Amino acid sequence: MRIQASHGSAYADVAEALADYFDGLYFSDTARLSRIFHPQAIYACATEGKLLHLTMQEYFPIVDKRPSPASRNEPRVDHILSIEFAGPVTAFARLNCAIGPKLFTDLLTLIHVDGRWQIISKVFHFELKSS
């Protein structure tokens, strides 16, 4: 994990906020996800050759409908690879996680507004687990 010395406590704050992200995905819990995603955040992926672009109003119902990895007793495969800062209120996090047969690399841009860190954009790539 990369971090500049001056951002030590900010790193810990972002990492703590990302716990809601990982838990929200693992438990398919949009209440947790709504704490980490800014209401105007975007969700984007082009892994399958075309742009998938969703708002939170479009994304959260998908999460609500899918069986959670926890309900299928899937092992947790989520961790922070790096957090970088563009300034005191802007961060970029690179993460890995897995849901079902997909292994994700998530690129999250976070902003510190309303007294907390929130994801303003999620761009990701996924690969299928090898059998």
N, C-alpha and C. Protein backbone atom coordinates (compact mmCIF):
# COMPACT_ATOMS: atom_id res chain seq x y z
N MET A 1 0.84 -1.17 0.00
CA MET A 1 0.00 0.00 0.00
C MET A 1 0.88 1.24 0.00
N ARG A 2 0.52 2.20 -0.81
CA ARG A 2 1.30 3.43 -0.90
C ARG A 2 0.60 4.54 -0.15
N ILE A 3 1.39 5.34 0.52
CA ILE A 3 0.84 6.45 1.28
C ILE A 3 1.92 7.49 1.50
N GLN A 4 1.53 8.73 1.45
CA GLN A 4 2.46 9.81 1.78
C GLN A 4 2.35 10.05 3.27
N ALA A 5 3.45 10.35 3.91
CA ALA A 5 3.49 10.51 5.36
C ALA A 5 2.47 11.53 5.86
N SER A 6 2.25 12.59 5.12
CA SER A 6 1.34 13.64 5.59
C SER A 6 -0.12 13.21 5.58
N HIS A 7 -0.42 12.09 4.96
CA HIS A 7 -1.81 11.64 4.85
C HIS A 7 -2.10 10.43 5.73
N GLY A 8 -1.28 10.19 6.75
CA GLY A 8 -1.42 9.00 7.60
C GLY A 8 -2.79 8.79 8.17
N SER A 9 -3.35 9.79 8.84
CA SER A 9 -4.68 9.59 9.43
C SER A 9 -5.76 9.56 8.36
N ALA A 10 -5.57 10.27 7.25
CA ALA A 10 -6.53 10.23 6.16
C ALA A 10 -6.58 8.82 5.56
N TYR A 11 -5.42 8.19 5.45
CA TYR A 11 -5.36 6.81 4.94
C TYR A 11 -6.22 5.90 5.82
N ALA A 12 -6.03 6.00 7.12
CA ALA A 12 -6.80 5.18 8.06
C ALA A 12 -8.29 5.49 7.95
N ASP A 13 -8.64 6.75 7.76
CA ASP A 13 -10.05 7.13 7.63
C ASP A 13 -10.67 6.54 6.36
N VAL A 14 -9.93 6.60 5.25
CA VAL A 14 -10.44 6.02 4.00
C VAL A 14 -10.56 4.51 4.15
N ALA A 15 -9.54 3.87 4.69
CA ALA A 15 -9.58 2.42 4.88
C ALA A 15 -10.76 2.01 5.75
N GLU A 16 -11.02 2.77 6.80
CA GLU A 16 -12.16 2.48 7.68
C GLU A 16 -13.48 2.64 6.92
N ALA A 17 -13.59 3.69 6.13
CA ALA A 17 -14.81 3.92 5.34
C ALA A 17 -15.03 2.79 4.34
N LEU A 18 -13.94 2.27 3.79
CA LEU A 18 -14.06 1.20 2.80
C LEU A 18 -14.55 -0.12 3.41
N ALA A 19 -14.51 -0.23 4.72
CA ALA A 19 -15.08 -1.42 5.37
C ALA A 19 -16.57 -1.53 5.04
N ASP A 20 -17.28 -0.39 4.99
CA ASP A 20 -18.70 -0.41 4.60
C ASP A 20 -18.86 -0.89 3.16
N TYR A 21 -17.93 -0.52 2.30
CA TYR A 21 -17.96 -0.97 0.91
C TYR A 21 -17.82 -2.49 0.84
N PHE A 22 -16.77 -3.02 1.45
CA PHE A 22 -16.55 -4.46 1.42
C PHE A 22 -17.70 -5.22 2.08
N ASP A 23 -18.16 -4.76 3.25
CA ASP A 23 -19.28 -5.43 3.93
C ASP A 23 -20.56 -5.33 3.12
N GLY A 24 -20.80 -4.16 2.53
CA GLY A 24 -22.00 -3.98 1.72
C GLY A 24 -22.05 -4.95 0.55
N LEU A 25 -20.90 -5.14 -0.11
CA LEU A 25 -20.85 -6.09 -1.22
C LEU A 25 -20.99 -7.53 -0.73
N TYR A 26 -20.30 -7.88 0.33
CA TYR A 26 -20.32 -9.26 0.82
C TYR A 26 -21.70 -9.67 1.33
N PHE A 27 -22.40 -8.75 1.96
CA PHE A 27 -23.73 -9.06 2.51
C PHE A 27 -24.87 -8.57 1.62
N SER A 28 -24.56 -8.02 0.42
CA SER A 28 -25.56 -7.42 -0.47
C SER A 28 -26.44 -6.45 0.30
N ASP A 29 -25.79 -5.56 1.03
CA ASP A 29 -26.45 -4.65 1.97
C ASP A 29 -26.35 -3.21 1.45
N THR A 30 -27.42 -2.75 0.81
CA THR A 30 -27.38 -1.40 0.25
C THR A 30 -27.45 -0.31 1.32
N ALA A 31 -27.88 -0.62 2.52
CA ALA A 31 -27.82 0.37 3.60
C ALA A 31 -26.36 0.71 3.89
N ARG A 32 -25.52 -0.32 3.95
CA ARG A 32 -24.08 -0.09 4.16
C ARG A 32 -23.47 0.62 2.96
N LEU A 33 -23.83 0.17 1.77
CA LEU A 33 -23.28 0.79 0.56
C LEU A 33 -23.68 2.26 0.45
N SER A 34 -24.89 2.59 0.89
CA SER A 34 -25.32 4.00 0.81
C SER A 34 -24.54 4.90 1.75
N ARG A 35 -23.88 4.31 2.76
CA ARG A 35 -23.04 5.12 3.65
C ARG A 35 -21.72 5.47 2.98
N ILE A 36 -21.23 4.65 2.06
CA ILE A 36 -19.93 4.90 1.43
C ILE A 36 -20.07 5.53 0.04
N PHE A 37 -21.15 5.24 -0.67
CA PHE A 37 -21.35 5.85 -1.99
C PHE A 37 -22.05 7.20 -1.86
N HIS A 38 -21.51 8.22 -2.50
CA HIS A 38 -22.19 9.51 -2.60
C HIS A 38 -23.46 9.27 -3.43
N PRO A 39 -24.56 9.94 -3.12
CA PRO A 39 -25.80 9.71 -3.88
C PRO A 39 -25.65 9.97 -5.39
N GLN A 40 -24.71 10.82 -5.78
CA GLN A 40 -24.51 11.13 -7.20
C GLN A 40 -23.36 10.34 -7.82
N ALA A 41 -22.90 9.30 -7.14
CA ALA A 41 -21.78 8.50 -7.64
C ALA A 41 -22.15 7.79 -8.94
N ILE A 42 -21.12 7.46 -9.71
CA ILE A 42 -21.32 6.68 -10.92
C ILE A 42 -20.64 5.32 -10.77
N TYR A 43 -21.15 4.36 -11.52
CA TYR A 43 -20.70 2.97 -11.51
C TYR A 43 -20.46 2.62 -12.98
N ALA A 44 -19.23 2.21 -13.32
CA ALA A 44 -18.93 1.99 -14.74
C ALA A 44 -17.99 0.81 -14.93
N CYS A 45 -18.21 0.11 -16.06
CA CYS A 45 -17.38 -1.03 -16.42
C CYS A 45 -17.47 -1.19 -17.94
N ALA A 46 -16.35 -1.63 -18.54
CA ALA A 46 -16.35 -1.92 -19.98
C ALA A 46 -15.76 -3.30 -20.26
N THR A 47 -15.68 -4.15 -19.24
CA THR A 47 -15.06 -5.47 -19.38
C THR A 47 -15.67 -6.28 -20.52
N GLU A 48 -16.97 -6.21 -20.71
CA GLU A 48 -17.64 -7.04 -21.71
C GLU A 48 -17.72 -6.37 -23.08
N GLY A 49 -16.91 -5.33 -23.30
CA GLY A 49 -16.81 -4.72 -24.62
C GLY A 49 -17.73 -3.55 -24.89
N LYS A 50 -18.60 -3.24 -23.94
CA LYS A 50 -19.46 -2.05 -24.08
C LYS A 50 -19.56 -1.40 -22.71
N LEU A 51 -19.89 -0.13 -22.72
CA LEU A 51 -19.96 0.61 -21.47
C LEU A 51 -21.21 0.23 -20.66
N LEU A 52 -20.96 -0.14 -19.42
CA LEU A 52 -22.03 -0.28 -18.44
C LEU A 52 -21.90 0.92 -17.53
N HIS A 53 -22.92 1.76 -17.46
CA HIS A 53 -22.87 2.99 -16.67
C HIS A 53 -24.18 3.09 -15.90
N LEU A 54 -24.07 3.08 -14.57
CA LEU A 54 -25.26 3.13 -13.72
C LEU A 54 -25.15 4.25 -12.70
N THR A 55 -26.29 4.75 -12.30
CA THR A 55 -26.38 5.65 -11.15
C THR A 55 -26.61 4.78 -9.91
N MET A 56 -26.56 5.37 -8.75
CA MET A 56 -26.82 4.59 -7.53
C MET A 56 -28.28 4.13 -7.49
N GLN A 57 -29.20 4.94 -8.05
CA GLN A 57 -30.61 4.54 -8.09
C GLN A 57 -30.81 3.31 -8.97
N GLU A 58 -29.92 3.12 -9.95
CA GLU A 58 -30.00 1.93 -10.81
C GLU A 58 -29.21 0.75 -10.23
N TYR A 59 -28.10 1.05 -9.55
CA TYR A 59 -27.21 0.01 -9.04
C TYR A 59 -27.75 -0.67 -7.78
N PHE A 60 -28.25 0.09 -6.82
CA PHE A 60 -28.68 -0.49 -5.55
C PHE A 60 -29.77 -1.56 -5.70
N PRO A 61 -30.79 -1.38 -6.56
CA PRO A 61 -31.78 -2.46 -6.72
C PRO A 61 -31.17 -3.77 -7.24
N ILE A 62 -30.11 -3.68 -8.03
CA ILE A 62 -29.43 -4.88 -8.51
C ILE A 62 -28.79 -5.61 -7.33
N VAL A 63 -28.14 -4.85 -6.45
CA VAL A 63 -27.51 -5.44 -5.26
C VAL A 63 -28.58 -6.06 -4.37
N ASP A 64 -29.70 -5.35 -4.19
CA ASP A 64 -30.78 -5.86 -3.33
C ASP A 64 -31.31 -7.21 -3.83
N LYS A 65 -31.32 -7.43 -5.14
CA LYS A 65 -31.90 -8.64 -5.70
C LYS A 65 -30.95 -9.83 -5.75
N ARG A 66 -29.65 -9.58 -5.66
CA ARG A 66 -28.73 -10.71 -5.83
C ARG A 66 -28.46 -11.40 -4.50
N PRO A 67 -28.33 -12.72 -4.54
CA PRO A 67 -27.96 -13.44 -3.32
C PRO A 67 -26.57 -12.98 -2.87
N SER A 68 -26.40 -12.76 -1.61
CA SER A 68 -25.13 -12.26 -1.11
C SER A 68 -24.08 -13.36 -1.10
N PRO A 69 -22.80 -12.98 -1.27
CA PRO A 69 -21.74 -13.97 -1.10
C PRO A 69 -21.80 -14.62 0.29
N ALA A 70 -22.18 -13.84 1.30
CA ALA A 70 -22.29 -14.38 2.66
C ALA A 70 -23.33 -15.50 2.72
N SER A 71 -24.46 -15.33 2.04
CA SER A 71 -25.52 -16.34 2.07
C SER A 71 -25.10 -17.64 1.39
N ARG A 72 -24.08 -17.54 0.53
CA ARG A 72 -23.56 -18.73 -0.16
C ARG A 72 -22.28 -19.24 0.51
N ASN A 73 -21.96 -18.67 1.67
CA ASN A 73 -20.76 -19.05 2.41
C ASN A 73 -19.48 -18.95 1.58
N GLU A 74 -19.43 -17.94 0.70
CA GLU A 74 -18.21 -17.73 -0.09
C GLU A 74 -17.13 -17.14 0.81
N PRO A 75 -15.90 -17.58 0.64
CA PRO A 75 -14.83 -16.96 1.42
C PRO A 75 -14.67 -15.50 1.01
N ARG A 76 -14.33 -14.66 1.97
CA ARG A 76 -14.12 -13.25 1.65
C ARG A 76 -12.78 -13.10 0.95
N VAL A 77 -12.84 -12.42 -0.16
CA VAL A 77 -11.65 -12.11 -0.94
C VAL A 77 -11.71 -10.61 -1.22
N ASP A 78 -11.45 -9.81 -0.23
CA ASP A 78 -11.48 -8.36 -0.44
C ASP A 78 -10.32 -7.72 0.31
N HIS A 79 -9.62 -6.86 -0.40
CA HIS A 79 -8.54 -6.14 0.23
C HIS A 79 -8.18 -4.88 -0.55
N ILE A 80 -7.58 -3.96 0.17
CA ILE A 80 -7.11 -2.69 -0.40
C ILE A 80 -5.72 -2.93 -0.96
N LEU A 81 -5.51 -2.59 -2.21
CA LEU A 81 -4.19 -2.67 -2.82
C LEU A 81 -3.41 -1.38 -2.60
N SER A 82 -4.11 -0.24 -2.75
CA SER A 82 -3.45 1.05 -2.54
C SER A 82 -4.48 2.14 -2.33
N ILE A 83 -4.05 3.19 -1.65
CA ILE A 83 -4.83 4.42 -1.51
C ILE A 83 -3.85 5.56 -1.77
N GLU A 84 -4.21 6.43 -2.68
CA GLU A 84 -3.40 7.60 -3.01
C GLU A 84 -4.24 8.84 -2.83
N PHE A 85 -3.58 9.95 -2.57
CA PHE A 85 -4.27 11.21 -2.33
C PHE A 85 -3.86 12.27 -3.33
N ALA A 86 -4.85 12.99 -3.86
CA ALA A 86 -4.60 14.13 -4.73
C ALA A 86 -4.63 15.42 -3.92
N GLY A 87 -5.02 15.33 -2.68
CA GLY A 87 -5.14 16.47 -1.78
C GLY A 87 -5.89 16.01 -0.55
N PRO A 88 -6.22 16.93 0.32
CA PRO A 88 -6.85 16.54 1.59
C PRO A 88 -8.28 16.02 1.47
N VAL A 89 -8.95 16.24 0.34
CA VAL A 89 -10.34 15.81 0.20
C VAL A 89 -10.59 14.92 -1.01
N THR A 90 -9.51 14.43 -1.63
CA THR A 90 -9.65 13.60 -2.82
C THR A 90 -8.70 12.42 -2.73
N ALA A 91 -9.24 11.21 -2.88
CA ALA A 91 -8.43 10.00 -2.79
C ALA A 91 -8.81 9.03 -3.90
N PHE A 92 -7.87 8.13 -4.19
CA PHE A 92 -8.07 7.10 -5.19
C PHE A 92 -7.68 5.77 -4.55
N ALA A 93 -8.59 4.82 -4.57
CA ALA A 93 -8.32 3.51 -3.98
C ALA A 93 -8.42 2.43 -5.04
N ARG A 94 -7.47 1.52 -4.99
CA ARG A 94 -7.48 0.34 -5.86
C ARG A 94 -7.71 -0.87 -4.97
N LEU A 95 -8.74 -1.66 -5.28
CA LEU A 95 -9.16 -2.77 -4.43
C LEU A 95 -9.33 -4.04 -5.24
N ASN A 96 -9.32 -5.17 -4.55
CA ASN A 96 -9.73 -6.44 -5.12
C ASN A 96 -10.85 -7.02 -4.27
N CYS A 97 -11.80 -7.67 -4.94
CA CYS A 97 -12.83 -8.42 -4.23
C CYS A 97 -13.38 -9.47 -5.18
N ALA A 98 -14.19 -10.36 -4.65
CA ALA A 98 -14.80 -11.41 -5.46
C ALA A 98 -16.26 -11.56 -5.07
N ILE A 99 -17.07 -11.80 -6.09
CA ILE A 99 -18.49 -12.11 -5.90
C ILE A 99 -18.81 -13.23 -6.87
N GLY A 100 -19.23 -14.36 -6.33
CA GLY A 100 -19.53 -15.50 -7.19
C GLY A 100 -18.31 -15.88 -8.00
N PRO A 101 -18.49 -16.06 -9.32
CA PRO A 101 -17.37 -16.49 -10.15
C PRO A 101 -16.46 -15.35 -10.62
N LYS A 102 -16.77 -14.12 -10.20
CA LYS A 102 -16.03 -12.96 -10.71
C LYS A 102 -15.01 -12.43 -9.71
N LEU A 103 -13.80 -12.16 -10.22
CA LEU A 103 -12.76 -11.50 -9.45
C LEU A 103 -12.67 -10.06 -9.96
N PHE A 104 -12.85 -9.10 -9.06
CA PHE A 104 -12.93 -7.69 -9.44
C PHE A 104 -11.67 -6.92 -9.06
N THR A 105 -11.29 -6.00 -9.92
CA THR A 105 -10.35 -4.94 -9.58
C THR A 105 -11.17 -3.66 -9.64
N ASP A 106 -11.34 -3.01 -8.51
CA ASP A 106 -12.14 -1.79 -8.41
C ASP A 106 -11.23 -0.58 -8.29
N LEU A 107 -11.52 0.44 -9.07
CA LEU A 107 -10.82 1.71 -9.01
C LEU A 107 -11.83 2.73 -8.51
N LEU A 108 -11.65 3.16 -7.28
CA LEU A 108 -12.62 4.03 -6.63
C LEU A 108 -12.02 5.42 -6.43
N THR A 109 -12.77 6.44 -6.80
CA THR A 109 -12.40 7.81 -6.49
C THR A 109 -13.29 8.25 -5.34
N LEU A 110 -12.66 8.77 -4.29
CA LEU A 110 -13.39 9.19 -3.09
C LEU A 110 -13.19 10.68 -2.86
N ILE A 111 -14.21 11.29 -2.30
CA ILE A 111 -14.15 12.69 -1.90
C ILE A 111 -14.57 12.79 -0.43
N HIS A 112 -14.00 13.76 0.24
CA HIS A 112 -14.38 13.98 1.64
C HIS A 112 -15.35 15.15 1.67
N VAL A 113 -16.64 14.84 1.80
CA VAL A 113 -17.69 15.85 1.87
C VAL A 113 -18.66 15.46 2.98
N ASP A 114 -19.33 16.45 3.52
CA ASP A 114 -20.32 16.21 4.58
C ASP A 114 -19.69 15.46 5.76
N GLY A 115 -18.39 15.72 6.01
CA GLY A 115 -17.72 15.16 7.17
C GLY A 115 -17.27 13.72 7.05
N ARG A 116 -17.32 13.15 5.82
CA ARG A 116 -16.90 11.76 5.68
C ARG A 116 -16.43 11.48 4.26
N TRP A 117 -15.67 10.38 4.13
CA TRP A 117 -15.21 9.93 2.82
C TRP A 117 -16.34 9.19 2.11
N GLN A 118 -16.54 9.52 0.82
CA GLN A 118 -17.58 8.88 0.03
C GLN A 118 -17.05 8.58 -1.37
N ILE A 119 -17.48 7.46 -1.91
CA ILE A 119 -17.11 7.10 -3.28
C ILE A 119 -17.94 7.95 -4.23
N ILE A 120 -17.26 8.63 -5.15
CA ILE A 120 -17.96 9.41 -6.17
C ILE A 120 -17.93 8.71 -7.53
N SER A 121 -16.95 7.78 -7.70
CA SER A 121 -16.96 6.97 -8.92
C SER A 121 -16.34 5.60 -8.65
N LYS A 122 -16.96 4.61 -9.26
CA LYS A 122 -16.46 3.23 -9.22
C LYS A 122 -16.32 2.78 -10.66
N VAL A 123 -15.09 2.51 -11.06
CA VAL A 123 -14.80 1.95 -12.37
C VAL A 123 -14.10 0.63 -12.09
N PHE A 124 -14.55 -0.43 -12.75
CA PHE A 124 -14.00 -1.72 -12.39
C PHE A 124 -13.82 -2.62 -13.60
N HIS A 125 -13.02 -3.65 -13.39
CA HIS A 125 -12.78 -4.71 -14.36
C HIS A 125 -12.99 -6.03 -13.62
N PHE A 126 -13.46 -7.04 -14.33
CA PHE A 126 -13.57 -8.35 -13.68
C PHE A 126 -13.05 -9.44 -14.61
N GLU A 127 -12.62 -10.51 -13.98
CA GLU A 127 -12.22 -11.72 -14.67
C GLU A 127 -12.96 -12.87 -14.03
N LEU A 128 -13.20 -13.91 -14.78
CA LEU A 128 -13.86 -15.09 -14.23
C LEU A 128 -12.82 -15.99 -13.57
N LYS A 129 -13.19 -16.52 -12.42
CA LYS A 129 -12.30 -17.46 -11.73
C LYS A 129 -12.08 -18.67 -12.62
N SER A 130 -10.87 -19.18 -12.60
CA SER A 130 -10.61 -20.41 -13.36
C SER A 130 -11.16 -21.58 -12.59
N SER A 131 -11.73 -22.52 -13.28
CA SER A 131 -12.38 -23.67 -12.62
C SER A 131 -11.37 -24.69 -12.16
